[in-house]
Amino acid sequence: MVTFLAYQDPLGMVLACTALCLSALTAAVLGVFVRHQHTPIVKANNWALSYILLISLTFCFLCSLLFIGRPNTATCTLQPIAFGLVFSVAVSTVLAKTLTVILAFKFTAPG
């Protein structure tokens, strides 16, 4: 007997709505960044890494939809590959942004 989380279940609906709302919110923030890409605050925030991070976070939220519903061969194959790839890009981007900030403060420190 196969047990799975269906979209019709209350928990499945809540998780799907949460994933869609958070991905829409992340896409909206990405839209704000793109709209104001020539402002100093976006330029100072390393816009390329910010775009990569926001896009990968959007896909991370959408990847959680693969885990809801009746499993089949395609979704079972795609789940770990898609989530692992997108999540590793997101974590790598956060580490790259952190390294950039550390290096910026290290070189601007007095003395």
PDB file of N, CA and C in Angstrom:
ATOM      1  N   MET A   1       0.841  -1.173   0.000  1.00  0.00           N
ATOM      2  CA  MET A   1       0.000   0.000   0.000  1.00  0.00           C
ATOM      3  C   MET A   1       0.892   1.244   0.000  1.00  0.00           C
ATOM      4  N   VAL A   2       0.614   2.168  -0.898  1.00  0.00           N
ATOM      5  CA  VAL A   2       1.399   3.388  -1.022  1.00  0.00           C
ATOM      6  C   VAL A   2       0.684   4.500  -0.280  1.00  0.00           C
ATOM      7  N   THR A   3       1.391   5.146   0.640  1.00  0.00           N
ATOM      8  CA  THR A   3       0.837   6.315   1.319  1.00  0.00           C
ATOM      9  C   THR A   3       1.599   7.536   0.845  1.00  0.00           C
ATOM     10  N   PHE A   4       0.868   8.608   0.589  1.00  0.00           N
ATOM     11  CA  PHE A   4       1.489   9.824   0.095  1.00  0.00           C
ATOM     12  C   PHE A   4       0.660  11.018   0.536  1.00  0.00           C
ATOM     13  N   LEU A   5       1.250  12.171   0.458  1.00  0.00           N
ATOM     14  CA  LEU A   5       0.581  13.418   0.816  1.00  0.00           C
ATOM     15  C   LEU A   5      -0.107  13.959  -0.429  1.00  0.00           C
ATOM     16  N   ALA A   6      -1.412  14.029  -0.398  1.00  0.00           N
ATOM     17  CA  ALA A   6      -2.187  14.479  -1.556  1.00  0.00           C
ATOM     18  C   ALA A   6      -2.475  15.974  -1.446  1.00  0.00           C
ATOM     19  N   TYR A   7      -2.740  16.578  -2.593  1.00  0.00           N
ATOM     20  CA  TYR A   7      -3.110  17.989  -2.604  1.00  0.00           C
ATOM     21  C   TYR A   7      -4.470  18.224  -1.947  1.00  0.00           C
ATOM     22  N   GLN A   8      -5.312  17.195  -1.889  1.00  0.00           N
ATOM     23  CA  GLN A   8      -6.639  17.338  -1.283  1.00  0.00           C
ATOM     24  C   GLN A   8      -6.600  17.286   0.236  1.00  0.00           C
ATOM     25  N   ASP A   9      -5.544  16.756   0.813  1.00  0.00           N
ATOM     26  CA  ASP A   9      -5.395  16.727   2.263  1.00  0.00           C
ATOM     27  C   ASP A   9      -5.190  18.145   2.781  1.00  0.00           C
ATOM     28  N   PRO A  10      -5.648  18.430   4.003  1.00  0.00           N
ATOM     29  CA  PRO A  10      -5.447  19.781   4.543  1.00  0.00           C
ATOM     30  C   PRO A  10      -3.970  20.168   4.626  1.00  0.00           C
ATOM     31  N   LEU A  11      -3.126  19.246   5.053  1.00  0.00           N
ATOM     32  CA  LEU A  11      -1.698  19.548   5.138  1.00  0.00           C
ATOM     33  C   LEU A  11      -1.100  19.767   3.750  1.00  0.00           C
ATOM     34  N   GLY A  12      -1.538  18.980   2.779  1.00  0.00           N
ATOM     35  CA  GLY A  12      -1.057  19.154   1.420  1.00  0.00           C
ATOM     36  C   GLY A  12      -1.449  20.506   0.850  1.00  0.00           C
ATOM     37  N   MET A  13      -2.689  20.941   1.137  1.00  0.00           N
ATOM     38  CA  MET A  13      -3.135  22.260   0.670  1.00  0.00           C
ATOM     39  C   MET A  13      -2.334  23.374   1.320  1.00  0.00           C
ATOM     40  N   VAL A  14      -2.103  23.259   2.622  1.00  0.00           N
ATOM     41  CA  VAL A  14      -1.355  24.290   3.340  1.00  0.00           C
ATOM     42  C   VAL A  14       0.078  24.375   2.819  1.00  0.00           C
ATOM     43  N   LEU A  15       0.708  23.234   2.635  1.00  0.00           N
ATOM     44  CA  LEU A  15       2.093  23.230   2.154  1.00  0.00           C
ATOM     45  C   LEU A  15       2.192  23.742   0.714  1.00  0.00           C
ATOM     46  N   ALA A  16       1.237  23.373  -0.136  1.00  0.00           N
ATOM     47  CA  ALA A  16       1.257  23.852  -1.517  1.00  0.00           C
ATOM     48  C   ALA A  16       1.013  25.357  -1.572  1.00  0.00           C
ATOM     49  N   CYS A  17       0.064  25.844  -0.784  1.00  0.00           N
ATOM     50  CA  CYS A  17      -0.204  27.292  -0.755  1.00  0.00           C
ATOM     51  C   CYS A  17       0.988  28.060  -0.196  1.00  0.00           C
ATOM     52  N   THR A  18       1.617  27.507   0.821  1.00  0.00           N
ATOM     53  CA  THR A  18       2.799  28.157   1.394  1.00  0.00           C
ATOM     54  C   THR A  18       3.933  28.217   0.373  1.00  0.00           C
ATOM     55  N   ALA A  19       4.156  27.126  -0.340  1.00  0.00           N
ATOM     56  CA  ALA A  19       5.214  27.101  -1.347  1.00  0.00           C
ATOM     57  C   ALA A  19       4.926  28.105  -2.457  1.00  0.00           C
ATOM     58  N   LEU A  20       3.682  28.168  -2.907  1.00  0.00           N
ATOM     59  CA  LEU A  20       3.335  29.109  -3.970  1.00  0.00           C
ATOM     60  C   LEU A  20       3.430  30.558  -3.505  1.00  0.00           C
ATOM     61  N   CYS A  21       2.984  30.832  -2.277  1.00  0.00           N
ATOM     62  CA  CYS A  21       3.057  32.201  -1.753  1.00  0.00           C
ATOM     63  C   CYS A  21       4.505  32.648  -1.564  1.00  0.00           C
ATOM     64  N   LEU A  22       5.332  31.775  -1.021  1.00  0.00           N
ATOM     65  CA  LEU A  22       6.733  32.148  -0.806  1.00  0.00           C
ATOM     66  C   LEU A  22       7.491  32.290  -2.125  1.00  0.00           C
ATOM     67  N   SER A  23       7.175  31.453  -3.105  1.00  0.00           N
ATOM     68  CA  SER A  23       7.833  31.618  -4.402  1.00  0.00           C
ATOM     69  C   SER A  23       7.359  32.895  -5.090  1.00  0.00           C
ATOM     70  N   ALA A  24       6.087  33.259  -4.928  1.00  0.00           N
ATOM     71  CA  ALA A  24       5.598  34.522  -5.488  1.00  0.00           C
ATOM     72  C   ALA A  24       6.242  35.717  -4.792  1.00  0.00           C
ATOM     73  N   LEU A  25       6.417  35.629  -3.482  1.00  0.00           N
ATOM     74  CA  LEU A  25       7.073  36.707  -2.740  1.00  0.00           C
ATOM     75  C   LEU A  25       8.532  36.861  -3.176  1.00  0.00           C
ATOM     76  N   THR A  26       9.218  35.748  -3.355  1.00  0.00           N
ATOM     77  CA  THR A  26      10.609  35.800  -3.806  1.00  0.00           C
ATOM     78  C   THR A  26      10.698  36.353  -5.227  1.00  0.00           C
ATOM     79  N   ALA A  27       9.759  35.972  -6.079  1.00  0.00           N
ATOM     80  CA  ALA A  27       9.738  36.507  -7.443  1.00  0.00           C
ATOM     81  C   ALA A  27       9.442  38.002  -7.432  1.00  0.00           C
ATOM     82  N   ALA A  28       8.606  38.459  -6.506  1.00  0.00           N
ATOM     83  CA  ALA A  28       8.327  39.891  -6.392  1.00  0.00           C
ATOM     84  C   ALA A  28       9.573  40.658  -5.956  1.00  0.00           C
ATOM     85  N   VAL A  29      10.320  40.113  -5.027  1.00  0.00           N
ATOM     86  CA  VAL A  29      11.572  40.753  -4.604  1.00  0.00           C
ATOM     87  C   VAL A  29      12.557  40.788  -5.768  1.00  0.00           C
ATOM     88  N   LEU A  30      12.600  39.713  -6.542  1.00  0.00           N
ATOM     89  CA  LEU A  30      13.452  39.697  -7.732  1.00  0.00           C
ATOM     90  C   LEU A  30      13.004  40.772  -8.721  1.00  0.00           C
ATOM     91  N   GLY A  31      11.703  40.952  -8.867  1.00  0.00           N
ATOM     92  CA  GLY A  31      11.188  42.009  -9.738  1.00  0.00           C
ATOM     93  C   GLY A  31      11.592  43.395  -9.266  1.00  0.00           C
ATOM     94  N   VAL A  32      11.582  43.612  -7.952  1.00  0.00           N
ATOM     95  CA  VAL A  32      12.016  44.899  -7.407  1.00  0.00           C
ATOM     96  C   VAL A  32      13.503  45.113  -7.689  1.00  0.00           C
ATOM     97  N   PHE A  33      14.298  44.066  -7.524  1.00  0.00           N
ATOM     98  CA  PHE A  33      15.731  44.174  -7.806  1.00  0.00           C
ATOM     99  C   PHE A  33      15.982  44.491  -9.268  1.00  0.00           C
ATOM    100  N   VAL A  34      15.251  43.830 -10.159  1.00  0.00           N
ATOM    101  CA  VAL A  34      15.440  44.071 -11.588  1.00  0.00           C
ATOM    102  C   VAL A  34      14.980  45.477 -11.960  1.00  0.00           C
ATOM    103  N   ARG A  35      13.880  45.910 -11.382  1.00  0.00           N
ATOM    104  CA  ARG A  35      13.344  47.243 -11.693  1.00  0.00           C
ATOM    105  C   ARG A  35      14.289  48.353 -11.244  1.00  0.00           C
ATOM    106  N   HIS A  36      14.942  48.151 -10.121  1.00  0.00           N
ATOM    107  CA  HIS A  36      15.836  49.170  -9.561  1.00  0.00           C
ATOM    108  C   HIS A  36      17.299  48.747  -9.669  1.00  0.00           C
ATOM    109  N   GLN A  37      17.668  48.101 -10.762  1.00  0.00           N
ATOM    110  CA  GLN A  37      19.016  47.545 -10.881  1.00  0.00           C
ATOM    111  C   GLN A  37      20.107  48.593 -11.011  1.00  0.00           C
ATOM    112  N   HIS A  38      19.754  49.815 -11.365  1.00  0.00           N
ATOM    113  CA  HIS A  38      20.773  50.855 -11.543  1.00  0.00           C
ATOM    114  C   HIS A  38      20.952  51.729 -10.302  1.00  0.00           C
ATOM    115  N   THR A  39      20.260  51.405  -9.222  1.00  0.00           N
ATOM    116  CA  THR A  39      20.414  52.177  -7.997  1.00  0.00           C
ATOM    117  C   THR A  39      21.667  51.721  -7.249  1.00  0.00           C
ATOM    118  N   PRO A  40      22.234  52.597  -6.444  1.00  0.00           N
ATOM    119  CA  PRO A  40      23.473  52.234  -5.725  1.00  0.00           C
ATOM    120  C   PRO A  40      23.303  51.070  -4.757  1.00  0.00           C
ATOM    121  N   ILE A  41      22.128  50.946  -4.135  1.00  0.00           N
ATOM    122  CA  ILE A  41      21.974  49.878  -3.148  1.00  0.00           C
ATOM    123  C   ILE A  41      21.957  48.506  -3.805  1.00  0.00           C
ATOM    124  N   VAL A  42      21.384  48.405  -5.016  1.00  0.00           N
ATOM    125  CA  VAL A  42      21.384  47.120  -5.720  1.00  0.00           C
ATOM    126  C   VAL A  42      22.775  46.823  -6.255  1.00  0.00           C
ATOM    127  N   LYS A  43      23.454  47.829  -6.739  1.00  0.00           N
ATOM    128  CA  LYS A  43      24.824  47.625  -7.229  1.00  0.00           C
ATOM    129  C   LYS A  43      25.755  47.219  -6.095  1.00  0.00           C
ATOM    130  N   ALA A  44      25.580  47.823  -4.928  1.00  0.00           N
ATOM    131  CA  ALA A  44      26.428  47.492  -3.781  1.00  0.00           C
ATOM    132  C   ALA A  44      26.118  46.109  -3.230  1.00  0.00           C
ATOM    133  N   ASN A  45      24.943  45.606  -3.514  1.00  0.00           N
ATOM    134  CA  ASN A  45      24.514  44.312  -2.991  1.00  0.00           C
ATOM    135  C   ASN A  45      24.936  43.161  -3.902  1.00  0.00           C
ATOM    136  N   ASN A  46      25.820  43.421  -4.851  1.00  0.00           N
ATOM    137  CA  ASN A  46      26.292  42.416  -5.802  1.00  0.00           C
ATOM    138  C   ASN A  46      25.101  41.809  -6.543  1.00  0.00           C
ATOM    139  N   TRP A  47      24.586  42.567  -7.486  1.00  0.00           N
ATOM    140  CA  TRP A  47      23.330  42.243  -8.145  1.00  0.00           C
ATOM    141  C   TRP A  47      23.337  40.875  -8.823  1.00  0.00           C
ATOM    142  N   ALA A  48      24.455  40.441  -9.368  1.00  0.00           N
ATOM    143  CA  ALA A  48      24.487  39.146 -10.048  1.00  0.00           C
ATOM    144  C   ALA A  48      24.250  38.001  -9.067  1.00  0.00           C
ATOM    145  N   LEU A  49      24.936  38.041  -7.930  1.00  0.00           N
ATOM    146  CA  LEU A  49      24.720  37.002  -6.920  1.00  0.00           C
ATOM    147  C   LEU A  49      23.323  37.082  -6.325  1.00  0.00           C
ATOM    148  N   SER A  50      22.795  38.294  -6.193  1.00  0.00           N
ATOM    149  CA  SER A  50      21.440  38.443  -5.664  1.00  0.00           C
ATOM    150  C   SER A  50      20.411  37.847  -6.606  1.00  0.00           C
ATOM    151  N   TYR A  51      20.588  38.057  -7.909  1.00  0.00           N
ATOM    152  CA  TYR A  51      19.669  37.465  -8.885  1.00  0.00           C
ATOM    153  C   TYR A  51      19.731  35.944  -8.840  1.00  0.00           C
ATOM    154  N   ILE A  52      20.934  35.403  -8.789  1.00  0.00           N
ATOM    155  CA  ILE A  52      21.085  33.947  -8.736  1.00  0.00           C
ATOM    156  C   ILE A  52      20.443  33.390  -7.470  1.00  0.00           C
ATOM    157  N   LEU A  53      20.661  34.067  -6.351  1.00  0.00           N
ATOM    158  CA  LEU A  53      20.090  33.606  -5.082  1.00  0.00           C
ATOM    159  C   LEU A  53      18.566  33.654  -5.111  1.00  0.00           C
ATOM    160  N   LEU A  54      17.995  34.734  -5.603  1.00  0.00           N
ATOM    161  CA  LEU A  54      16.537  34.848  -5.621  1.00  0.00           C
ATOM    162  C   LEU A  54      15.899  33.852  -6.588  1.00  0.00           C
ATOM    163  N   ILE A  55      16.525  33.624  -7.720  1.00  0.00           N
ATOM    164  CA  ILE A  55      15.996  32.641  -8.672  1.00  0.00           C
ATOM    165  C   ILE A  55      16.088  31.233  -8.092  1.00  0.00           C
ATOM    166  N   SER A  56      17.202  30.912  -7.461  1.00  0.00           N
ATOM    167  CA  SER A  56      17.336  29.574  -6.882  1.00  0.00           C
ATOM    168  C   SER A  56      16.395  29.372  -5.702  1.00  0.00           C
ATOM    169  N   LEU A  57      16.149  30.416  -4.917  1.00  0.00           N
ATOM    170  CA  LEU A  57      15.170  30.292  -3.827  1.00  0.00           C
ATOM    171  C   LEU A  57      13.765  30.088  -4.365  1.00  0.00           C
ATOM    172  N   THR A  58      13.434  30.763  -5.454  1.00  0.00           N
ATOM    173  CA  THR A  58      12.124  30.567  -6.074  1.00  0.00           C
ATOM    174  C   THR A  58      11.963  29.117  -6.519  1.00  0.00           C
ATOM    175  N   PHE A  59      13.000  28.573  -7.157  1.00  0.00           N
ATOM    176  CA  PHE A  59      12.929  27.186  -7.589  1.00  0.00           C
ATOM    177  C   PHE A  59      12.945  26.217  -6.411  1.00  0.00           C
ATOM    178  N   CYS A  60      13.605  26.568  -5.317  1.00  0.00           N
ATOM    179  CA  CYS A  60      13.573  25.721  -4.113  1.00  0.00           C
ATOM    180  C   CYS A  60      12.153  25.599  -3.570  1.00  0.00           C
ATOM    181  N   PHE A  61      11.457  26.726  -3.522  1.00  0.00           N
ATOM    182  CA  PHE A  61      10.073  26.687  -3.054  1.00  0.00           C
ATOM    183  C   PHE A  61       9.198  25.874  -3.998  1.00  0.00           C
ATOM    184  N   LEU A  62       9.418  26.008  -5.294  1.00  0.00           N
ATOM    185  CA  LEU A  62       8.613  25.265  -6.254  1.00  0.00           C
ATOM    186  C   LEU A  62       8.965  23.777  -6.282  1.00  0.00           C
ATOM    187  N   CYS A  63      10.189  23.414  -5.918  1.00  0.00           N
ATOM    188  CA  CYS A  63      10.582  22.004  -5.871  1.00  0.00           C
ATOM    189  C   CYS A  63       9.808  21.236  -4.803  1.00  0.00           C
ATOM    190  N   SER A  64       9.364  21.933  -3.781  1.00  0.00           N
ATOM    191  CA  SER A  64       8.610  21.235  -2.741  1.00  0.00           C
ATOM    192  C   SER A  64       7.276  20.722  -3.267  1.00  0.00           C
ATOM    193  N   LEU A  65       6.788  21.283  -4.375  1.00  0.00           N
ATOM    194  CA  LEU A  65       5.548  20.779  -4.967  1.00  0.00           C
ATOM    195  C   LEU A  65       5.726  19.393  -5.579  1.00  0.00           C
ATOM    196  N   LEU A  66       6.965  19.022  -5.901  1.00  0.00           N
ATOM    197  CA  LEU A  66       7.227  17.680  -6.429  1.00  0.00           C
ATOM    198  C   LEU A  66       6.999  16.596  -5.381  1.00  0.00           C
ATOM    199  N   PHE A  67       7.073  16.956  -4.107  1.00  0.00           N
ATOM    200  CA  PHE A  67       6.941  15.980  -3.037  1.00  0.00           C
ATOM    201  C   PHE A  67       5.490  15.760  -2.626  1.00  0.00           C
ATOM    202  N   ILE A  68       4.567  16.505  -3.208  1.00  0.00           N
ATOM    203  CA  ILE A  68       3.147  16.365  -2.892  1.00  0.00           C
ATOM    204  C   ILE A  68       2.481  15.684  -4.082  1.00  0.00           C
ATOM    205  N   GLY A  69       1.582  14.784  -3.821  1.00  0.00           N
ATOM    206  CA  GLY A  69       0.867  14.085  -4.888  1.00  0.00           C
ATOM    207  C   GLY A  69       1.332  12.650  -5.018  1.00  0.00           C
ATOM    208  N   ARG A  70       0.600  11.901  -5.857  1.00  0.00           N
ATOM    209  CA  ARG A  70       0.923  10.484  -6.052  1.00  0.00           C
ATOM    210  C   ARG A  70       2.285  10.357  -6.722  1.00  0.00           C
ATOM    211  N   PRO A  71       3.186   9.592  -6.106  1.00  0.00           N
ATOM    212  CA  PRO A  71       4.513   9.432  -6.699  1.00  0.00           C
ATOM    213  C   PRO A  71       4.469   8.562  -7.959  1.00  0.00           C
ATOM    214  N   ASN A  72       5.261   8.935  -8.937  1.00  0.00           N
ATOM    215  CA  ASN A  72       5.452   8.102 -10.125  1.00  0.00           C
ATOM    216  C   ASN A  72       6.938   8.110 -10.455  1.00  0.00           C
ATOM    217  N   THR A  73       7.303   7.443 -11.509  1.00  0.00           N
ATOM    218  CA  THR A  73       8.722   7.298 -11.846  1.00  0.00           C
ATOM    219  C   THR A  73       9.382   8.641 -12.126  1.00  0.00           C
ATOM    220  N   ALA A  74       8.683   9.510 -12.830  1.00  0.00           N
ATOM    221  CA  ALA A  74       9.261  10.810 -13.193  1.00  0.00           C
ATOM    222  C   ALA A  74       9.502  11.674 -11.963  1.00  0.00           C
ATOM    223  N   THR A  75       8.510  11.786 -11.086  1.00  0.00           N
ATOM    224  CA  THR A  75       8.684  12.640  -9.906  1.00  0.00           C
ATOM    225  C   THR A  75       9.691  12.050  -8.933  1.00  0.00           C
ATOM    226  N   CYS A  76       9.713  10.738  -8.811  1.00  0.00           N
ATOM    227  CA  CYS A  76      10.687  10.115  -7.902  1.00  0.00           C
ATOM    228  C   CYS A  76      12.111  10.304  -8.401  1.00  0.00           C
ATOM    229  N   THR A  77      12.294  10.355  -9.699  1.00  0.00           N
ATOM    230  CA  THR A  77      13.622  10.594 -10.251  1.00  0.00           C
ATOM    231  C   THR A  77      13.994  12.064 -10.162  1.00  0.00           C
ATOM    232  N   LEU A  78      13.016  12.931 -10.393  1.00  0.00           N
ATOM    233  CA  LEU A  78      13.278  14.359 -10.452  1.00  0.00           C
ATOM    234  C   LEU A  78      13.432  15.012  -9.085  1.00  0.00           C
ATOM    235  N   GLN A  79      12.795  14.465  -8.054  1.00  0.00           N
ATOM    236  CA  GLN A  79      12.812  15.079  -6.718  1.00  0.00           C
ATOM    237  C   GLN A  79      14.230  15.314  -6.185  1.00  0.00           C
ATOM    238  N   PRO A  80      15.034  14.299  -6.019  1.00  0.00           N
ATOM    239  CA  PRO A  80      16.357  14.551  -5.417  1.00  0.00           C
ATOM    240  C   PRO A  80      17.294  15.329  -6.329  1.00  0.00           C
ATOM    241  N   ILE A  81      17.175  15.107  -7.636  1.00  0.00           N
ATOM    242  CA  ILE A  81      18.068  15.806  -8.562  1.00  0.00           C
ATOM    243  C   ILE A  81      17.765  17.296  -8.572  1.00  0.00           C
ATOM    244  N   ALA A  82      16.488  17.642  -8.735  1.00  0.00           N
ATOM    245  CA  ALA A  82      16.102  19.049  -8.830  1.00  0.00           C
ATOM    246  C   ALA A  82      16.375  19.781  -7.520  1.00  0.00           C
ATOM    247  N   PHE A  83      15.929  19.202  -6.415  1.00  0.00           N
ATOM    248  CA  PHE A  83      16.110  19.884  -5.140  1.00  0.00           C
ATOM    249  C   PHE A  83      17.583  19.981  -4.771  1.00  0.00           C
ATOM    250  N   GLY A  84      18.348  18.919  -4.996  1.00  0.00           N
ATOM    251  CA  GLY A  84      19.772  18.955  -4.668  1.00  0.00           C
ATOM    252  C   GLY A  84      20.526  19.992  -5.474  1.00  0.00           C
ATOM    253  N   LEU A  85      20.234  20.074  -6.749  1.00  0.00           N
ATOM    254  CA  LEU A  85      20.904  21.047  -7.604  1.00  0.00           C
ATOM    255  C   LEU A  85      20.547  22.479  -7.219  1.00  0.00           C
ATOM    256  N   VAL A  86      19.259  22.741  -7.057  1.00  0.00           N
ATOM    257  CA  VAL A  86      18.815  24.106  -6.750  1.00  0.00           C
ATOM    258  C   VAL A  86      19.254  24.525  -5.354  1.00  0.00           C
ATOM    259  N   PHE A  87      19.175  23.615  -4.396  1.00  0.00           N
ATOM    260  CA  PHE A  87      19.571  23.945  -3.031  1.00  0.00           C
ATOM    261  C   PHE A  87      21.077  24.189  -2.936  1.00  0.00           C
ATOM    262  N   SER A  88      21.873  23.403  -3.654  1.00  0.00           N
ATOM    263  CA  SER A  88      23.317  23.626  -3.616  1.00  0.00           C
ATOM    264  C   SER A  88      23.695  24.954  -4.271  1.00  0.00           C
ATOM    265  N   VAL A  89      22.969  25.361  -5.306  1.00  0.00           N
ATOM    266  CA  VAL A  89      23.220  26.673  -5.910  1.00  0.00           C
ATOM    267  C   VAL A  89      22.869  27.775  -4.912  1.00  0.00           C
ATOM    268  N   ALA A  90      21.755  27.626  -4.197  1.00  0.00           N
ATOM    269  CA  ALA A  90      21.355  28.641  -3.213  1.00  0.00           C
ATOM    270  C   ALA A  90      22.376  28.750  -2.084  1.00  0.00           C
ATOM    271  N   VAL A  91      22.813  27.632  -1.549  1.00  0.00           N
ATOM    272  CA  VAL A  91      23.782  27.657  -0.453  1.00  0.00           C
ATOM    273  C   VAL A  91      25.123  28.207  -0.933  1.00  0.00           C
ATOM    274  N   SER A  92      25.548  27.833  -2.137  1.00  0.00           N
ATOM    275  CA  SER A  92      26.803  28.347  -2.682  1.00  0.00           C
ATOM    276  C   SER A  92      26.746  29.852  -2.882  1.00  0.00           C
ATOM    277  N   THR A  93      25.602  30.344  -3.305  1.00  0.00           N
ATOM    278  CA  THR A  93      25.442  31.783  -3.502  1.00  0.00           C
ATOM    279  C   THR A  93      25.494  32.526  -2.177  1.00  0.00           C
ATOM    280  N   VAL A  94      24.872  31.977  -1.154  1.00  0.00           N
ATOM    281  CA  VAL A  94      24.934  32.611   0.170  1.00  0.00           C
ATOM    282  C   VAL A  94      26.371  32.635   0.678  1.00  0.00           C
ATOM    283  N   LEU A  95      27.099  31.549   0.479  1.00  0.00           N
ATOM    284  CA  LEU A  95      28.501  31.516   0.905  1.00  0.00           C
ATOM    285  C   LEU A  95      29.350  32.499   0.104  1.00  0.00           C
ATOM    286  N   ALA A  96      29.070  32.636  -1.187  1.00  0.00           N
ATOM    287  CA  ALA A  96      29.818  33.595  -2.002  1.00  0.00           C
ATOM    288  C   ALA A  96      29.530  35.021  -1.572  1.00  0.00           C
ATOM    289  N   LYS A  97      28.272  35.319  -1.257  1.00  0.00           N
ATOM    290  CA  LYS A  97      27.931  36.664  -0.780  1.00  0.00           C
ATOM    291  C   LYS A  97      28.590  36.929   0.574  1.00  0.00           C
ATOM    292  N   THR A  98      28.629  35.933   1.437  1.00  0.00           N
ATOM    293  CA  THR A  98      29.269  36.090   2.740  1.00  0.00           C
ATOM    294  C   THR A  98      30.764  36.335   2.578  1.00  0.00           C
ATOM    295  N   LEU A  99      31.401  35.588   1.694  1.00  0.00           N
ATOM    296  CA  LEU A  99      32.828  35.777   1.448  1.00  0.00           C
ATOM    297  C   LEU A  99      33.112  37.158   0.885  1.00  0.00           C
ATOM    298  N   THR A 100      32.239  37.643   0.013  1.00  0.00           N
ATOM    299  CA  THR A 100      32.406  38.986  -0.544  1.00  0.00           C
ATOM    300  C   THR A 100      32.335  40.046   0.542  1.00  0.00           C
ATOM    301  N   VAL A 101      31.398  39.920   1.463  1.00  0.00           N
ATOM    302  CA  VAL A 101      31.265  40.883   2.559  1.00  0.00           C
ATOM    303  C   VAL A 101      32.469  40.813   3.489  1.00  0.00           C
ATOM    304  N   ILE A 102      32.925  39.601   3.777  1.00  0.00           N
ATOM    305  CA  ILE A 102      34.090  39.451   4.660  1.00  0.00           C
ATOM    306  C   ILE A 102      35.322  40.091   4.029  1.00  0.00           C
ATOM    307  N   LEU A 103      35.526  39.840   2.753  1.00  0.00           N
ATOM    308  CA  LEU A 103      36.684  40.435   2.076  1.00  0.00           C
ATOM    309  C   LEU A 103      36.567  41.960   1.988  1.00  0.00           C
ATOM    310  N   ALA A 104      35.373  42.463   1.793  1.00  0.00           N
ATOM    311  CA  ALA A 104      35.192  43.914   1.724  1.00  0.00           C
ATOM    312  C   ALA A 104      35.527  44.563   3.062  1.00  0.00           C
ATOM    313  N   PHE A 105      35.083  43.973   4.156  1.00  0.00           N
ATOM    314  CA  PHE A 105      35.388  44.541   5.472  1.00  0.00           C
ATOM    315  C   PHE A 105      36.850  44.325   5.853  1.00  0.00           C
ATOM    316  N   LYS A 106      37.461  43.271   5.371  1.00  0.00           N
ATOM    317  CA  LYS A 106      38.853  43.021   5.692  1.00  0.00           C
ATOM    318  C   LYS A 106      39.762  44.038   5.035  1.00  0.00           C
ATOM    319  N   PHE A 107      39.454  44.413   3.799  1.00  0.00           N
ATOM    320  CA  PHE A 107      40.289  45.366   3.084  1.00  0.00           C
ATOM    321  C   PHE A 107      40.012  46.817   3.454  1.00  0.00           C
ATOM    322  N   THR A 108      38.857  47.101   4.052  1.00  0.00           N
ATOM    323  CA  THR A 108      38.548  48.479   4.441  1.00  0.00           C
ATOM    324  C   THR A 108      38.778  48.743   5.924  1.00  0.00           C
ATOM    325  N   ALA A 109      39.298  47.775   6.633  1.00  0.00           N
ATOM    326  CA  ALA A 109      39.542  47.956   8.063  1.00  0.00           C
ATOM    327  C   ALA A 109      40.704  48.941   8.259  1.00  0.00           C
ATOM    328  N   PRO A 110      40.576  49.826   9.247  1.00  0.00           N
ATOM    329  CA  PRO A 110      41.675  50.761   9.483  1.00  0.00           C
ATOM    330  C   PRO A 110      42.913  50.036   9.984  1.00  0.00           C
ATOM    331  N   GLY A 111      44.068  50.498   9.539  1.00  0.00           N
ATOM    332  CA  GLY A 111      45.332  49.944   9.959  1.00  0.00           C
ATOM    333  C   GLY A 111      45.644  48.689   9.210  1.00  0.00           C
TER     334      GLY A 111
END
